[in-house]
N, C-alpha and C. Protein backbone atom coordinates (compact mmCIF):
# COMPACT_ATOMS: atom_id res chain seq x y z
N MET A 1 0.84 -1.17 0.00
CA MET A 1 0.00 0.00 0.00
C MET A 1 0.89 1.24 0.00
N LEU A 2 0.62 2.14 -0.92
CA LEU A 2 1.40 3.37 -1.06
C LEU A 2 0.55 4.55 -0.58
N ILE A 3 1.14 5.35 0.29
CA ILE A 3 0.49 6.55 0.82
C ILE A 3 1.33 7.74 0.43
N ARG A 4 0.67 8.77 -0.05
CA ARG A 4 1.39 9.99 -0.41
C ARG A 4 0.63 11.18 0.15
N GLY A 5 1.36 12.13 0.74
CA GLY A 5 0.67 13.29 1.29
C GLY A 5 1.60 14.41 1.69
N LYS A 6 0.99 15.55 1.93
CA LYS A 6 1.69 16.74 2.40
C LYS A 6 1.69 16.73 3.92
N VAL A 7 2.79 17.13 4.52
CA VAL A 7 3.02 17.00 5.96
C VAL A 7 2.46 18.19 6.75
N ILE A 8 1.78 17.84 7.83
CA ILE A 8 1.48 18.76 8.92
C ILE A 8 2.28 18.22 10.10
N LYS A 9 3.04 19.09 10.75
CA LYS A 9 4.00 18.62 11.76
C LYS A 9 3.70 19.17 13.15
N PHE A 10 3.89 18.29 14.14
CA PHE A 10 3.74 18.64 15.55
C PHE A 10 4.99 18.19 16.30
N GLY A 11 5.12 18.59 17.55
CA GLY A 11 6.30 18.28 18.34
C GLY A 11 6.16 17.04 19.21
N ASP A 12 6.84 17.07 20.34
CA ASP A 12 6.88 15.95 21.28
C ASP A 12 5.67 15.98 22.22
N ASN A 13 5.36 14.81 22.77
CA ASN A 13 4.37 14.65 23.84
C ASN A 13 3.00 15.20 23.50
N VAL A 14 2.55 14.99 22.29
CA VAL A 14 1.19 15.38 21.91
C VAL A 14 0.26 14.33 22.52
N ASP A 15 -0.51 14.75 23.53
CA ASP A 15 -1.33 13.78 24.25
C ASP A 15 -2.74 13.69 23.70
N THR A 16 -3.44 12.67 24.14
CA THR A 16 -4.79 12.41 23.62
C THR A 16 -5.76 13.53 23.97
N ASP A 17 -5.50 14.27 25.06
CA ASP A 17 -6.35 15.41 25.41
C ASP A 17 -6.20 16.56 24.43
N VAL A 18 -5.06 16.65 23.79
CA VAL A 18 -4.84 17.66 22.76
C VAL A 18 -5.36 17.16 21.42
N ILE A 19 -5.16 15.89 21.15
CA ILE A 19 -5.64 15.33 19.87
C ILE A 19 -7.15 15.50 19.77
N ILE A 20 -7.88 15.11 20.80
CA ILE A 20 -9.33 15.34 20.84
C ILE A 20 -9.67 15.73 22.29
N PRO A 21 -9.94 17.02 22.50
CA PRO A 21 -10.24 17.50 23.86
C PRO A 21 -11.41 16.75 24.49
N ALA A 22 -11.31 16.54 25.80
CA ALA A 22 -12.30 15.75 26.55
C ALA A 22 -13.71 16.30 26.40
N ARG A 23 -13.87 17.59 26.18
CA ARG A 23 -15.21 18.16 26.07
C ARG A 23 -15.99 17.63 24.87
N TYR A 24 -15.31 16.95 23.94
CA TYR A 24 -15.98 16.40 22.76
C TYR A 24 -16.20 14.89 22.85
N LEU A 25 -15.86 14.29 23.96
CA LEU A 25 -15.94 12.83 24.08
C LEU A 25 -17.37 12.33 24.25
N THR A 26 -18.33 13.21 24.29
CA THR A 26 -19.73 12.79 24.36
C THR A 26 -20.20 12.26 23.01
N SER A 27 -19.42 12.52 21.96
CA SER A 27 -19.77 12.05 20.63
C SER A 27 -18.88 10.88 20.23
N SER A 28 -19.47 9.94 19.52
CA SER A 28 -18.67 8.87 18.93
C SER A 28 -18.73 8.95 17.40
N ASP A 29 -19.32 10.04 16.89
CA ASP A 29 -19.41 10.26 15.45
C ASP A 29 -18.04 10.70 14.93
N PRO A 30 -17.41 9.90 14.08
CA PRO A 30 -16.07 10.23 13.59
C PRO A 30 -15.96 11.62 12.95
N MET A 31 -16.97 12.03 12.21
CA MET A 31 -16.90 13.33 11.54
C MET A 31 -17.00 14.48 12.55
N GLU A 32 -17.78 14.31 13.59
CA GLU A 32 -17.85 15.32 14.65
C GLU A 32 -16.51 15.41 15.37
N LEU A 33 -15.92 14.27 15.67
CA LEU A 33 -14.60 14.26 16.31
C LEU A 33 -13.56 14.92 15.41
N ALA A 34 -13.62 14.66 14.11
CA ALA A 34 -12.66 15.23 13.16
C ALA A 34 -12.70 16.75 13.16
N ARG A 35 -13.88 17.32 13.33
CA ARG A 35 -14.01 18.79 13.33
C ARG A 35 -13.25 19.44 14.48
N HIS A 36 -12.99 18.65 15.53
CA HIS A 36 -12.33 19.20 16.72
C HIS A 36 -10.93 18.64 16.94
N CYS A 37 -10.46 17.81 16.03
CA CYS A 37 -9.13 17.20 16.14
C CYS A 37 -8.06 18.29 16.19
N MET A 38 -7.21 18.23 17.18
CA MET A 38 -6.06 19.13 17.35
C MET A 38 -6.43 20.60 17.56
N GLU A 39 -7.69 20.91 17.79
CA GLU A 39 -8.09 22.32 17.82
C GLU A 39 -7.44 23.14 18.92
N ASP A 40 -7.10 22.53 20.06
CA ASP A 40 -6.45 23.31 21.12
C ASP A 40 -4.97 23.54 20.83
N LEU A 41 -4.37 22.71 20.00
CA LEU A 41 -2.97 22.85 19.62
C LEU A 41 -2.82 23.69 18.35
N ASP A 42 -3.74 23.49 17.41
CA ASP A 42 -3.72 24.20 16.13
C ASP A 42 -5.17 24.41 15.68
N PRO A 43 -5.74 25.58 15.97
CA PRO A 43 -7.14 25.84 15.61
C PRO A 43 -7.42 25.74 14.11
N THR A 44 -6.39 25.79 13.28
CA THR A 44 -6.57 25.70 11.82
C THR A 44 -6.45 24.28 11.29
N PHE A 45 -6.14 23.32 12.15
CA PHE A 45 -5.87 21.95 11.70
C PHE A 45 -7.00 21.38 10.85
N ALA A 46 -8.22 21.42 11.34
CA ALA A 46 -9.35 20.81 10.61
C ALA A 46 -9.53 21.43 9.23
N LYS A 47 -9.17 22.68 9.07
CA LYS A 47 -9.30 23.35 7.77
C LYS A 47 -8.12 23.02 6.85
N ARG A 48 -6.95 22.74 7.44
CA ARG A 48 -5.75 22.48 6.64
C ARG A 48 -5.62 21.04 6.18
N VAL A 49 -6.16 20.11 6.95
CA VAL A 49 -5.99 18.70 6.62
C VAL A 49 -6.85 18.34 5.41
N THR A 50 -6.29 17.49 4.55
CA THR A 50 -7.00 17.01 3.37
C THR A 50 -6.89 15.49 3.34
N LYS A 51 -7.47 14.88 2.35
CA LYS A 51 -7.34 13.42 2.19
C LYS A 51 -5.94 13.02 1.73
N GLU A 52 -5.08 14.00 1.58
CA GLU A 52 -3.68 13.75 1.20
C GLU A 52 -2.75 14.41 2.20
N THR A 53 -3.01 14.14 3.49
CA THR A 53 -2.20 14.69 4.57
C THR A 53 -1.55 13.55 5.34
N VAL A 54 -0.28 13.77 5.69
CA VAL A 54 0.45 12.87 6.58
C VAL A 54 0.88 13.70 7.78
N LEU A 55 0.59 13.20 8.96
CA LEU A 55 0.97 13.90 10.18
C LEU A 55 2.33 13.38 10.63
N VAL A 56 3.23 14.29 10.99
CA VAL A 56 4.55 13.93 11.50
C VAL A 56 4.70 14.57 12.87
N ALA A 57 5.22 13.82 13.82
CA ALA A 57 5.37 14.32 15.19
C ALA A 57 6.65 13.79 15.81
N GLY A 58 6.93 14.27 17.00
CA GLY A 58 8.14 13.88 17.72
C GLY A 58 7.95 12.65 18.59
N ARG A 59 8.49 12.74 19.81
CA ARG A 59 8.46 11.62 20.75
C ARG A 59 7.12 11.52 21.46
N ASN A 60 6.74 10.29 21.80
CA ASN A 60 5.63 10.01 22.71
C ASN A 60 4.28 10.51 22.19
N PHE A 61 4.06 10.39 20.90
CA PHE A 61 2.79 10.85 20.32
C PHE A 61 1.65 9.96 20.83
N GLY A 62 0.56 10.59 21.25
CA GLY A 62 -0.61 9.85 21.72
C GLY A 62 -0.53 9.44 23.17
N CYS A 63 0.34 10.08 23.95
CA CYS A 63 0.43 9.77 25.37
C CYS A 63 -0.84 10.25 26.08
N GLY A 64 -0.99 9.87 27.32
CA GLY A 64 -2.17 10.29 28.08
C GLY A 64 -3.16 9.16 28.19
N SER A 65 -4.43 9.51 28.15
CA SER A 65 -5.48 8.50 28.34
C SER A 65 -5.55 7.54 27.16
N SER A 66 -6.22 6.43 27.36
CA SER A 66 -6.24 5.38 26.35
C SER A 66 -7.43 5.49 25.40
N ARG A 67 -8.02 6.66 25.30
CA ARG A 67 -9.24 6.81 24.50
C ARG A 67 -9.02 6.50 23.02
N GLU A 68 -9.90 5.68 22.48
CA GLU A 68 -9.86 5.35 21.06
C GLU A 68 -10.29 6.54 20.21
N HIS A 69 -10.95 7.51 20.81
CA HIS A 69 -11.40 8.70 20.09
C HIS A 69 -10.23 9.44 19.43
N ALA A 70 -9.04 9.37 20.04
CA ALA A 70 -7.90 10.14 19.53
C ALA A 70 -7.48 9.67 18.12
N PRO A 71 -7.12 8.40 17.92
CA PRO A 71 -6.77 8.01 16.55
C PRO A 71 -7.97 8.08 15.61
N LEU A 72 -9.16 7.85 16.13
CA LEU A 72 -10.36 7.92 15.30
C LEU A 72 -10.56 9.34 14.76
N SER A 73 -10.34 10.35 15.59
CA SER A 73 -10.49 11.74 15.13
C SER A 73 -9.44 12.09 14.08
N ILE A 74 -8.23 11.56 14.23
CA ILE A 74 -7.17 11.80 13.25
C ILE A 74 -7.53 11.17 11.91
N LYS A 75 -7.94 9.91 11.95
CA LYS A 75 -8.29 9.21 10.72
C LYS A 75 -9.49 9.87 10.03
N ALA A 76 -10.51 10.21 10.80
CA ALA A 76 -11.72 10.82 10.23
C ALA A 76 -11.44 12.20 9.65
N SER A 77 -10.42 12.86 10.16
CA SER A 77 -10.08 14.20 9.64
C SER A 77 -9.51 14.12 8.23
N GLY A 78 -9.04 12.93 7.83
CA GLY A 78 -8.47 12.76 6.50
C GLY A 78 -7.00 12.40 6.49
N VAL A 79 -6.35 12.42 7.64
CA VAL A 79 -4.94 12.07 7.72
C VAL A 79 -4.76 10.63 7.26
N GLN A 80 -3.81 10.43 6.34
CA GLN A 80 -3.56 9.11 5.76
C GLN A 80 -2.64 8.24 6.60
N ALA A 81 -1.73 8.87 7.35
CA ALA A 81 -0.77 8.13 8.17
C ALA A 81 -0.14 9.09 9.16
N VAL A 82 0.44 8.52 10.21
CA VAL A 82 1.19 9.31 11.20
C VAL A 82 2.58 8.72 11.30
N ILE A 83 3.58 9.60 11.21
CA ILE A 83 4.98 9.23 11.41
C ILE A 83 5.42 9.95 12.67
N ALA A 84 6.05 9.25 13.60
CA ALA A 84 6.54 9.89 14.82
C ALA A 84 7.82 9.20 15.26
N GLU A 85 8.55 9.91 16.13
CA GLU A 85 9.75 9.31 16.70
C GLU A 85 9.35 8.11 17.56
N SER A 86 8.27 8.26 18.33
CA SER A 86 7.74 7.15 19.13
C SER A 86 6.28 7.44 19.46
N PHE A 87 5.55 6.37 19.78
CA PHE A 87 4.14 6.45 20.12
C PHE A 87 3.90 5.86 21.50
N ALA A 88 2.92 6.38 22.20
CA ALA A 88 2.45 5.70 23.40
C ALA A 88 1.88 4.36 22.96
N ARG A 89 2.16 3.31 23.71
CA ARG A 89 1.79 1.95 23.28
C ARG A 89 0.30 1.77 23.06
N ILE A 90 -0.55 2.29 23.95
CA ILE A 90 -1.99 2.10 23.79
C ILE A 90 -2.50 2.87 22.57
N PHE A 91 -1.93 4.05 22.31
CA PHE A 91 -2.32 4.80 21.12
C PHE A 91 -1.94 4.00 19.87
N TYR A 92 -0.76 3.41 19.89
CA TYR A 92 -0.28 2.62 18.75
C TYR A 92 -1.29 1.51 18.43
N ARG A 93 -1.69 0.76 19.44
CA ARG A 93 -2.61 -0.35 19.22
C ARG A 93 -4.00 0.15 18.81
N ASN A 94 -4.48 1.22 19.43
CA ASN A 94 -5.78 1.77 19.04
C ASN A 94 -5.76 2.24 17.59
N ALA A 95 -4.67 2.84 17.16
CA ALA A 95 -4.56 3.31 15.78
C ALA A 95 -4.62 2.13 14.80
N ILE A 96 -3.89 1.09 15.08
CA ILE A 96 -3.92 -0.10 14.22
C ILE A 96 -5.33 -0.69 14.20
N ASN A 97 -5.96 -0.78 15.36
CA ASN A 97 -7.30 -1.37 15.46
C ASN A 97 -8.33 -0.64 14.60
N ILE A 98 -8.14 0.66 14.39
CA ILE A 98 -9.10 1.40 13.55
C ILE A 98 -8.59 1.59 12.12
N GLY A 99 -7.41 1.04 11.83
CA GLY A 99 -6.89 1.08 10.46
C GLY A 99 -6.12 2.34 10.12
N LEU A 100 -5.57 3.03 11.12
CA LEU A 100 -4.75 4.22 10.86
C LEU A 100 -3.28 3.80 10.85
N PRO A 101 -2.61 3.88 9.70
CA PRO A 101 -1.20 3.50 9.64
C PRO A 101 -0.32 4.48 10.43
N ILE A 102 0.49 3.93 11.31
CA ILE A 102 1.42 4.75 12.08
C ILE A 102 2.81 4.11 12.02
N LEU A 103 3.81 4.94 11.81
CA LEU A 103 5.17 4.45 11.62
C LEU A 103 6.12 5.17 12.55
N GLU A 104 7.01 4.40 13.18
CA GLU A 104 8.03 4.98 14.04
C GLU A 104 9.34 5.10 13.28
N SER A 105 9.84 6.33 13.21
CA SER A 105 11.14 6.60 12.61
C SER A 105 11.65 7.91 13.19
N ALA A 106 12.61 7.80 14.10
CA ALA A 106 13.15 8.99 14.75
C ALA A 106 13.78 9.94 13.73
N GLU A 107 14.52 9.38 12.79
CA GLU A 107 15.19 10.21 11.80
C GLU A 107 14.19 10.94 10.90
N ALA A 108 13.17 10.22 10.43
CA ALA A 108 12.15 10.85 9.60
C ALA A 108 11.42 11.93 10.37
N ALA A 109 11.09 11.65 11.62
CA ALA A 109 10.37 12.63 12.45
C ALA A 109 11.18 13.90 12.64
N ARG A 110 12.48 13.76 12.76
CA ARG A 110 13.35 14.94 12.95
C ARG A 110 13.59 15.70 11.65
N ARG A 111 13.74 14.99 10.54
CA ARG A 111 14.19 15.63 9.30
C ARG A 111 13.07 16.11 8.38
N ILE A 112 11.91 15.49 8.45
CA ILE A 112 10.79 15.92 7.60
C ILE A 112 10.21 17.21 8.17
N LYS A 113 9.95 18.15 7.30
CA LYS A 113 9.46 19.48 7.70
C LYS A 113 7.99 19.67 7.33
N GLU A 114 7.37 20.61 8.00
CA GLU A 114 5.99 21.03 7.68
C GLU A 114 5.94 21.40 6.19
N GLY A 115 4.94 20.88 5.49
CA GLY A 115 4.75 21.20 4.08
C GLY A 115 5.47 20.30 3.11
N ASP A 116 6.41 19.46 3.61
CA ASP A 116 7.08 18.51 2.71
C ASP A 116 6.05 17.52 2.17
N GLU A 117 6.36 16.98 1.01
CA GLU A 117 5.55 15.92 0.42
C GLU A 117 6.27 14.60 0.71
N VAL A 118 5.54 13.63 1.28
CA VAL A 118 6.16 12.34 1.59
C VAL A 118 5.38 11.20 0.94
N GLU A 119 6.09 10.10 0.77
CA GLU A 119 5.51 8.89 0.21
C GLU A 119 5.91 7.73 1.12
N ILE A 120 4.94 6.92 1.50
CA ILE A 120 5.18 5.81 2.43
C ILE A 120 4.77 4.51 1.77
N THR A 121 5.65 3.53 1.81
CA THR A 121 5.32 2.18 1.34
C THR A 121 5.18 1.32 2.59
N LEU A 122 3.94 0.99 2.93
CA LEU A 122 3.68 0.27 4.18
C LEU A 122 4.31 -1.12 4.20
N GLU A 123 4.33 -1.81 3.07
CA GLU A 123 4.87 -3.18 3.03
C GLU A 123 6.35 -3.23 3.39
N THR A 124 7.08 -2.17 3.08
CA THR A 124 8.52 -2.17 3.35
C THR A 124 8.93 -1.23 4.49
N GLY A 125 8.02 -0.31 4.88
CA GLY A 125 8.35 0.67 5.90
C GLY A 125 9.21 1.81 5.39
N ILE A 126 9.34 1.94 4.09
CA ILE A 126 10.17 3.01 3.52
C ILE A 126 9.35 4.30 3.43
N ILE A 127 9.95 5.35 3.96
CA ILE A 127 9.38 6.69 3.92
C ILE A 127 10.28 7.53 3.04
N ARG A 128 9.72 8.11 2.01
CA ARG A 128 10.52 8.94 1.10
C ARG A 128 10.01 10.37 1.18
N ASN A 129 10.93 11.28 1.45
CA ASN A 129 10.59 12.70 1.42
C ASN A 129 10.75 13.15 -0.03
N CYS A 130 9.64 13.32 -0.72
CA CYS A 130 9.66 13.69 -2.14
C CYS A 130 10.20 15.10 -2.33
N THR A 131 10.12 15.93 -1.31
CA THR A 131 10.61 17.31 -1.39
C THR A 131 12.13 17.36 -1.39
N THR A 132 12.77 16.54 -0.53
CA THR A 132 14.23 16.59 -0.39
C THR A 132 14.94 15.41 -1.06
N GLY A 133 14.19 14.34 -1.35
CA GLY A 133 14.80 13.14 -1.92
C GLY A 133 15.33 12.17 -0.88
N GLU A 134 15.26 12.51 0.39
CA GLU A 134 15.76 11.62 1.45
C GLU A 134 14.82 10.44 1.64
N THR A 135 15.39 9.31 2.06
CA THR A 135 14.58 8.15 2.42
C THR A 135 14.91 7.73 3.84
N PHE A 136 13.91 7.17 4.49
CA PHE A 136 14.04 6.74 5.88
C PHE A 136 13.42 5.36 6.00
N GLN A 137 13.90 4.59 6.96
CA GLN A 137 13.37 3.25 7.18
C GLN A 137 12.62 3.20 8.50
N ALA A 138 11.37 2.80 8.42
CA ALA A 138 10.56 2.51 9.61
C ALA A 138 10.36 1.01 9.65
N GLN A 139 9.90 0.51 10.77
CA GLN A 139 9.58 -0.91 10.88
C GLN A 139 8.42 -1.23 9.94
N ALA A 140 8.60 -2.20 9.07
CA ALA A 140 7.51 -2.63 8.18
C ALA A 140 6.47 -3.37 9.00
N PHE A 141 5.20 -3.21 8.63
CA PHE A 141 4.14 -3.94 9.30
C PHE A 141 4.15 -5.39 8.87
N PRO A 142 3.98 -6.31 9.82
CA PRO A 142 3.84 -7.72 9.41
C PRO A 142 2.53 -7.88 8.63
N PRO A 143 2.42 -8.95 7.86
CA PRO A 143 1.25 -9.14 6.99
C PRO A 143 -0.10 -9.03 7.71
N PHE A 144 -0.22 -9.55 8.94
CA PHE A 144 -1.52 -9.50 9.61
C PHE A 144 -1.92 -8.07 9.96
N LEU A 145 -0.95 -7.21 10.29
CA LEU A 145 -1.27 -5.80 10.56
C LEU A 145 -1.56 -5.06 9.26
N GLN A 146 -0.85 -5.41 8.19
CA GLN A 146 -1.14 -4.82 6.89
C GLN A 146 -2.57 -5.13 6.47
N GLU A 147 -3.02 -6.34 6.78
CA GLU A 147 -4.39 -6.73 6.43
C GLU A 147 -5.41 -5.93 7.24
N ILE A 148 -5.15 -5.71 8.52
CA ILE A 148 -6.04 -4.89 9.35
C ILE A 148 -6.14 -3.49 8.78
N ILE A 149 -5.01 -2.89 8.44
CA ILE A 149 -4.99 -1.54 7.89
C ILE A 149 -5.70 -1.50 6.54
N ALA A 150 -5.41 -2.47 5.68
CA ALA A 150 -6.03 -2.49 4.34
C ALA A 150 -7.55 -2.62 4.42
N GLN A 151 -8.06 -3.29 5.44
CA GLN A 151 -9.50 -3.46 5.60
C GLN A 151 -10.15 -2.28 6.34
N GLY A 152 -9.33 -1.30 6.75
CA GLY A 152 -9.88 -0.14 7.44
C GLY A 152 -10.10 -0.35 8.92
N GLY A 153 -9.48 -1.38 9.48
CA GLY A 153 -9.58 -1.61 10.91
C GLY A 153 -9.90 -3.05 11.24
N LEU A 154 -9.69 -3.40 12.50
CA LEU A 154 -9.88 -4.76 12.97
C LEU A 154 -11.32 -5.22 12.84
N MET A 155 -12.28 -4.38 13.20
CA MET A 155 -13.69 -4.77 13.12
C MET A 155 -14.10 -5.06 11.67
N ASN A 156 -13.63 -4.26 10.73
CA ASN A 156 -13.94 -4.52 9.32
C ASN A 156 -13.35 -5.85 8.86
N LEU A 157 -12.14 -6.16 9.32
CA LEU A 157 -11.52 -7.43 8.97
C LEU A 157 -12.32 -8.60 9.54
N VAL A 158 -12.74 -8.49 10.79
CA VAL A 158 -13.51 -9.55 11.42
C VAL A 158 -14.84 -9.74 10.67
N LYS A 159 -15.53 -8.65 10.36
CA LYS A 159 -16.79 -8.74 9.62
C LYS A 159 -16.59 -9.42 8.28
N LYS A 160 -15.50 -9.08 7.59
CA LYS A 160 -15.22 -9.71 6.30
C LYS A 160 -14.99 -11.20 6.45
N ARG A 161 -14.22 -11.59 7.46
CA ARG A 161 -13.93 -13.01 7.65
C ARG A 161 -15.16 -13.80 8.08
N VAL A 162 -16.00 -13.19 8.88
CA VAL A 162 -17.21 -13.88 9.35
C VAL A 162 -18.19 -14.07 8.20
N SER A 163 -18.27 -13.10 7.30
CA SER A 163 -19.23 -13.19 6.20
C SER A 163 -18.71 -14.04 5.03
N SER A 164 -17.45 -14.41 5.07
CA SER A 164 -16.87 -15.22 3.97
C SER A 164 -17.21 -16.67 4.09
């Protein structure tokens, strides 16, 4: 699976309370959550993100509470993938469960800039900065995780297998 997008960049320790503020947790509607994604950190985020956006961040992305609303709001906003130096473990698993590709690469997180165009090959974990020509290696997803992502999340995969 090939993902290509323009980068919106954040720093270290972006927690789930910033990704989707607690005042919006009364909704489970992905589009409602998307309207408020990152609004306390960047009030323009929802207007800037497109279906061709890749989010890049620093260390410990998704720290804080274990709410599934955080990766769901990112995915629903149109973000195609998240690259970070590191992720909070529960955020990592929640993101995979809903089919949001996330890749750890400290070098990519440090060197890719806001507005760069990047291309990600999920099968190999290769991240290419199309703006600078640099390439970075992230951990490739094993086939079972690639299948979860390709199906749009764990529940979609289970539904497909049950109906087959």
